[in-house]
Amino acid sequence: MALRLSEEDDLAPEASINITPFIDVMLVLLIIFMVAAPLSTVDVPVDLPVASSKPSPRPADPVVVTLRADGALLLGRDPVTPEALGPAIEAATKGDREARIFVSADKAVAYGEMMALLDRMRAAGYLRVGLVGLEQADADAIAGALAPSAGAAP
């Protein structure tokens, strides 16, 4: 309740509400929500859709680096150590740093291992990287082949 001075300099009660504190609280809450909203989307699980774009044509002689689920690293079909990856890619591309390197990884490979592989390739000077995946028709065919038949007992 606010007090005001009347003409006779007596303090008389006033029945209006002071809304300034309410506005201050609302502005503080608005700022808090504006800062907190982008942070709340970090831990959202994402199920990405299958790409429906047309696959790009396969080059005549691609350089493929494969990372298997057991951590084995292959260049083409030849095993290679992580330390020897840079020189091996350089030999396969004949020193062409603009050549596109295709990376194929098992889906059980940890994200950190995949990033370490890409970092090794970047350190060797190869920045043009293409990720290899299955097309939707191929993925459906493999899933159908791996699924247990309806009449079989588990």
C-alpha atoms as a PDB file:
ATOM      1  CA  MET A   1       0.000   0.000   0.000  1.00  0.00           C
ATOM      2  CA  ALA A   2       1.459   3.330  -1.064  1.00  0.00           C
ATOM      3  CA  LEU A   3       1.131   6.603   0.780  1.00  0.00           C
ATOM      4  CA  ARG A   4       0.774  10.023  -0.790  1.00  0.00           C
ATOM      5  CA  LEU A   5       0.634  13.515   0.483  1.00  0.00           C
ATOM      6  CA  SER A   6      -2.711  15.273   0.378  1.00  0.00           C
ATOM      7  CA  GLU A   7      -3.291  18.997   0.149  1.00  0.00           C
ATOM      8  CA  GLU A   8      -3.139  19.304   3.914  1.00  0.00           C
ATOM      9  CA  ASP A   9       0.240  17.466   4.052  1.00  0.00           C
ATOM     10  CA  ASP A  10      -1.397  14.518   5.774  1.00  0.00           C
ATOM     11  CA  LEU A  11      -0.428  11.039   4.715  1.00  0.00           C
ATOM     12  CA  ALA A  12      -3.410   9.285   3.199  1.00  0.00           C
ATOM     13  CA  PRO A  13      -3.504   5.651   2.078  1.00  0.00           C
ATOM     14  CA  GLU A  14      -3.680   4.974  -1.673  1.00  0.00           C
ATOM     15  CA  ALA A  15      -5.415   1.880  -3.031  1.00  0.00           C
ATOM     16  CA  SER A  16      -3.407   1.421  -6.294  1.00  0.00           C
ATOM     17  CA  ILE A  17      -0.843  -1.359  -6.735  1.00  0.00           C
ATOM     18  CA  ASN A  18       2.790  -0.586  -7.542  1.00  0.00           C
ATOM     19  CA  ILE A  19       3.536  -2.826 -10.551  1.00  0.00           C
ATOM     20  CA  THR A  20       7.221  -1.902 -10.987  1.00  0.00           C
ATOM     21  CA  PRO A  21       8.503  -4.904  -8.943  1.00  0.00           C
ATOM     22  CA  PHE A  22       6.295  -7.254 -10.985  1.00  0.00           C
ATOM     23  CA  ILE A  23       7.731  -5.902 -14.245  1.00  0.00           C
ATOM     24  CA  ASP A  24      11.273  -6.312 -12.882  1.00  0.00           C
ATOM     25  CA  VAL A  25      10.591  -9.935 -11.931  1.00  0.00           C
ATOM     26  CA  MET A  26       9.087 -10.671 -15.357  1.00  0.00           C
ATOM     27  CA  LEU A  27      12.087  -9.193 -17.163  1.00  0.00           C
ATOM     28  CA  VAL A  28      14.489 -11.250 -15.030  1.00  0.00           C
ATOM     29  CA  LEU A  29      12.490 -14.428 -15.748  1.00  0.00           C
ATOM     30  CA  LEU A  30      12.462 -13.601 -19.465  1.00  0.00           C
ATOM     31  CA  ILE A  31      16.242 -13.262 -19.485  1.00  0.00           C
ATOM     32  CA  ILE A  32      16.664 -16.521 -17.565  1.00  0.00           C
ATOM     33  CA  PHE A  33      14.462 -18.422 -20.024  1.00  0.00           C
ATOM     34  CA  MET A  34      16.204 -16.855 -23.024  1.00  0.00           C
ATOM     35  CA  VAL A  35      19.569 -18.051 -21.706  1.00  0.00           C
ATOM     36  CA  ALA A  36      18.373 -21.479 -20.522  1.00  0.00           C
ATOM     37  CA  ALA A  37      16.305 -22.477 -23.576  1.00  0.00           C
ATOM     38  CA  PRO A  38      19.229 -23.124 -25.961  1.00  0.00           C
ATOM     39  CA  LEU A  39      21.066 -25.075 -23.264  1.00  0.00           C
ATOM     40  CA  SER A  40      18.155 -27.458 -22.720  1.00  0.00           C
ATOM     41  CA  THR A  41      18.435 -28.948 -26.232  1.00  0.00           C
ATOM     42  CA  VAL A  42      21.948 -30.375 -25.721  1.00  0.00           C
ATOM     43  CA  ASP A  43      20.897 -33.709 -24.214  1.00  0.00           C
ATOM     44  CA  VAL A  44      18.017 -34.468 -26.579  1.00  0.00           C
ATOM     45  CA  PRO A  45      18.309 -37.941 -28.143  1.00  0.00           C
ATOM     46  CA  VAL A  46      18.077 -37.756 -31.926  1.00  0.00           C
ATOM     47  CA  ASP A  47      17.005 -40.477 -34.330  1.00  0.00           C
ATOM     48  CA  LEU A  48      18.190 -39.166 -37.684  1.00  0.00           C
ATOM     49  CA  PRO A  49      16.229 -40.076 -40.814  1.00  0.00           C
ATOM     50  CA  VAL A  50      17.647 -42.050 -43.709  1.00  0.00           C
ATOM     51  CA  ALA A  51      18.989 -39.861 -46.496  1.00  0.00           C
ATOM     52  CA  SER A  52      16.745 -39.918 -49.542  1.00  0.00           C
ATOM     53  CA  SER A  53      19.033 -38.020 -51.894  1.00  0.00           C
ATOM     54  CA  LYS A  54      20.482 -39.590 -54.994  1.00  0.00           C
ATOM     55  CA  PRO A  55      23.886 -41.164 -54.389  1.00  0.00           C
ATOM     56  CA  SER A  56      26.786 -39.463 -56.102  1.00  0.00           C
ATOM     57  CA  PRO A  57      28.574 -41.434 -58.827  1.00  0.00           C
ATOM     58  CA  ARG A  58      31.366 -43.654 -57.615  1.00  0.00           C
ATOM     59  CA  PRO A  59      34.847 -42.598 -58.711  1.00  0.00           C
ATOM     60  CA  ALA A  60      36.886 -45.001 -60.854  1.00  0.00           C
ATOM     61  CA  ASP A  61      39.603 -45.574 -58.215  1.00  0.00           C
ATOM     62  CA  PRO A  62      38.370 -44.413 -54.770  1.00  0.00           C
ATOM     63  CA  VAL A  63      40.619 -44.209 -51.734  1.00  0.00           C
ATOM     64  CA  VAL A  64      38.648 -45.788 -48.895  1.00  0.00           C
ATOM     65  CA  VAL A  65      39.690 -45.746 -45.239  1.00  0.00           C
ATOM     66  CA  THR A  66      37.749 -48.265 -43.149  1.00  0.00           C
ATOM     67  CA  LEU A  67      37.422 -48.321 -39.373  1.00  0.00           C
ATOM     68  CA  ARG A  68      36.081 -51.648 -38.138  1.00  0.00           C
ATOM     69  CA  ALA A  69      34.209 -52.289 -34.895  1.00  0.00           C
ATOM     70  CA  ASP A  70      37.281 -53.946 -33.335  1.00  0.00           C
ATOM     71  CA  GLY A  71      39.326 -50.769 -33.979  1.00  0.00           C
ATOM     72  CA  ALA A  72      41.226 -52.153 -36.980  1.00  0.00           C
ATOM     73  CA  LEU A  73      42.093 -49.531 -39.579  1.00  0.00           C
ATOM     74  CA  LEU A  74      42.242 -50.415 -43.280  1.00  0.00           C
ATOM     75  CA  LEU A  75      43.269 -48.448 -46.351  1.00  0.00           C
ATOM     76  CA  GLY A  76      41.469 -50.166 -49.194  1.00  0.00           C
ATOM     77  CA  ARG A  77      41.847 -53.817 -48.159  1.00  0.00           C
ATOM     78  CA  ASP A  78      45.271 -53.419 -46.537  1.00  0.00           C
ATOM     79  CA  PRO A  79      45.640 -53.046 -42.755  1.00  0.00           C
ATOM     80  CA  VAL A  80      47.418 -49.888 -41.638  1.00  0.00           C
ATOM     81  CA  THR A  81      48.425 -48.533 -38.236  1.00  0.00           C
ATOM     82  CA  PRO A  82      47.091 -45.142 -37.115  1.00  0.00           C
ATOM     83  CA  GLU A  83      50.640 -43.720 -37.178  1.00  0.00           C
ATOM     84  CA  ALA A  84      51.214 -44.878 -40.778  1.00  0.00           C
ATOM     85  CA  LEU A  85      47.821 -43.661 -42.038  1.00  0.00           C
ATOM     86  CA  GLY A  86      49.063 -40.279 -43.327  1.00  0.00           C
ATOM     87  CA  PRO A  87      51.946 -41.650 -45.422  1.00  0.00           C
ATOM     88  CA  ALA A  88      49.762 -44.520 -46.684  1.00  0.00           C
ATOM     89  CA  ILE A  89      47.057 -42.100 -47.900  1.00  0.00           C
ATOM     90  CA  GLU A  90      49.735 -39.927 -49.474  1.00  0.00           C
ATOM     91  CA  ALA A  91      51.059 -42.942 -51.387  1.00  0.00           C
ATOM     92  CA  ALA A  92      47.541 -43.975 -52.453  1.00  0.00           C
ATOM     93  CA  THR A  93      46.667 -40.478 -53.716  1.00  0.00           C
ATOM     94  CA  LYS A  94      50.138 -39.857 -55.183  1.00  0.00           C
ATOM     95  CA  GLY A  95      50.480 -36.743 -53.022  1.00  0.00           C
ATOM     96  CA  ASP A  96      47.222 -35.127 -54.220  1.00  0.00           C
ATOM     97  CA  ARG A  97      45.887 -33.386 -51.096  1.00  0.00           C
ATOM     98  CA  GLU A  98      42.716 -32.354 -52.976  1.00  0.00           C
ATOM     99  CA  ALA A  99      41.702 -35.993 -53.555  1.00  0.00           C
ATOM    100  CA  ARG A 100      38.500 -37.053 -51.821  1.00  0.00           C
ATOM    101  CA  ILE A 101      39.025 -39.734 -49.189  1.00  0.00           C
ATOM    102  CA  PHE A 102      36.042 -41.963 -48.418  1.00  0.00           C
ATOM    103  CA  VAL A 103      35.615 -43.060 -44.801  1.00  0.00           C
ATOM    104  CA  SER A 104      33.670 -46.202 -44.031  1.00  0.00           C
ATOM    105  CA  ALA A 105      33.075 -47.100 -40.388  1.00  0.00           C
ATOM    106  CA  ASP A 106      31.121 -49.791 -38.629  1.00  0.00           C
ATOM    107  CA  LYS A 107      28.105 -48.394 -36.813  1.00  0.00           C
ATOM    108  CA  ALA A 108      29.415 -49.884 -33.550  1.00  0.00           C
ATOM    109  CA  VAL A 109      32.469 -47.591 -33.702  1.00  0.00           C
ATOM    110  CA  ALA A 110      32.479 -44.991 -30.946  1.00  0.00           C
ATOM    111  CA  TYR A 111      32.110 -41.360 -31.967  1.00  0.00           C
ATOM    112  CA  GLY A 112      35.427 -40.503 -30.335  1.00  0.00           C
ATOM    113  CA  GLU A 113      37.283 -43.084 -32.426  1.00  0.00           C
ATOM    114  CA  MET A 114      35.705 -41.710 -35.592  1.00  0.00           C
ATOM    115  CA  MET A 115      36.719 -38.156 -34.655  1.00  0.00           C
ATOM    116  CA  ALA A 116      40.280 -39.348 -33.908  1.00  0.00           C
ATOM    117  CA  LEU A 117      40.443 -40.879 -37.401  1.00  0.00           C
ATOM    118  CA  LEU A 118      39.215 -37.659 -39.011  1.00  0.00           C
ATOM    119  CA  ASP A 119      41.748 -35.667 -36.951  1.00  0.00           C
ATOM    120  CA  ARG A 120      44.574 -37.922 -38.183  1.00  0.00           C
ATOM    121  CA  MET A 121      43.470 -37.363 -41.763  1.00  0.00           C
ATOM    122  CA  ARG A 122      43.260 -33.599 -41.216  1.00  0.00           C
ATOM    123  CA  ALA A 123      46.745 -33.579 -39.666  1.00  0.00           C
ATOM    124  CA  ALA A 124      48.036 -35.370 -42.787  1.00  0.00           C
ATOM    125  CA  GLY A 125      46.538 -32.569 -44.921  1.00  0.00           C
ATOM    126  CA  TYR A 126      43.486 -34.380 -46.318  1.00  0.00           C
ATOM    127  CA  LEU A 127      40.428 -32.220 -45.759  1.00  0.00           C
ATOM    128  CA  ARG A 128      38.083 -33.540 -48.446  1.00  0.00           C
ATOM    129  CA  VAL A 129      36.328 -36.448 -46.779  1.00  0.00           C
ATOM    130  CA  GLY A 130      33.248 -38.340 -47.874  1.00  0.00           C
ATOM    131  CA  LEU A 131      31.341 -40.600 -45.503  1.00  0.00           C
ATOM    132  CA  VAL A 132      30.209 -43.934 -46.917  1.00  0.00           C
ATOM    133  CA  GLY A 133      26.824 -45.364 -45.973  1.00  0.00           C
ATOM    134  CA  LEU A 134      24.159 -47.702 -47.200  1.00  0.00           C
ATOM    135  CA  GLU A 135      21.316 -46.543 -49.384  1.00  0.00           C
ATOM    136  CA  GLN A 136      17.826 -47.160 -47.999  1.00  0.00           C
ATOM    137  CA  ALA A 137      17.149 -50.085 -50.390  1.00  0.00           C
ATOM    138  CA  ASP A 138      20.445 -51.742 -49.390  1.00  0.00           C
ATOM    139  CA  ALA A 139      19.746 -51.196 -45.692  1.00  0.00           C
ATOM    140  CA  ASP A 140      16.265 -52.749 -46.026  1.00  0.00           C
ATOM    141  CA  ALA A 141      17.673 -55.765 -47.892  1.00  0.00           C
ATOM    142  CA  ILE A 142      20.345 -56.351 -45.240  1.00  0.00           C
ATOM    143  CA  ALA A 143      17.840 -55.924 -42.408  1.00  0.00           C
ATOM    144  CA  GLY A 144      15.512 -58.426 -44.086  1.00  0.00           C
ATOM    145  CA  ALA A 145      18.326 -60.935 -44.517  1.00  0.00           C
ATOM    146  CA  LEU A 146      19.439 -60.609 -40.883  1.00  0.00           C
ATOM    147  CA  ALA A 147      15.913 -60.728 -39.372  1.00  0.00           C
ATOM    148  CA  PRO A 148      14.855 -64.100 -37.969  1.00  0.00           C
ATOM    149  CA  SER A 149      12.135 -65.822 -39.963  1.00  0.00           C
ATOM    150  CA  ALA A 150       8.590 -65.654 -38.601  1.00  0.00           C
ATOM    151  CA  GLY A 151       8.263 -69.415 -38.053  1.00  0.00           C
ATOM    152  CA  ALA A 152      11.629 -69.937 -36.366  1.00  0.00           C
ATOM    153  CA  ALA A 153      11.850 -70.334 -32.630  1.00  0.00           C
ATOM    154  CA  PRO A 154      14.075 -67.847 -30.775  1.00  0.00           C
END
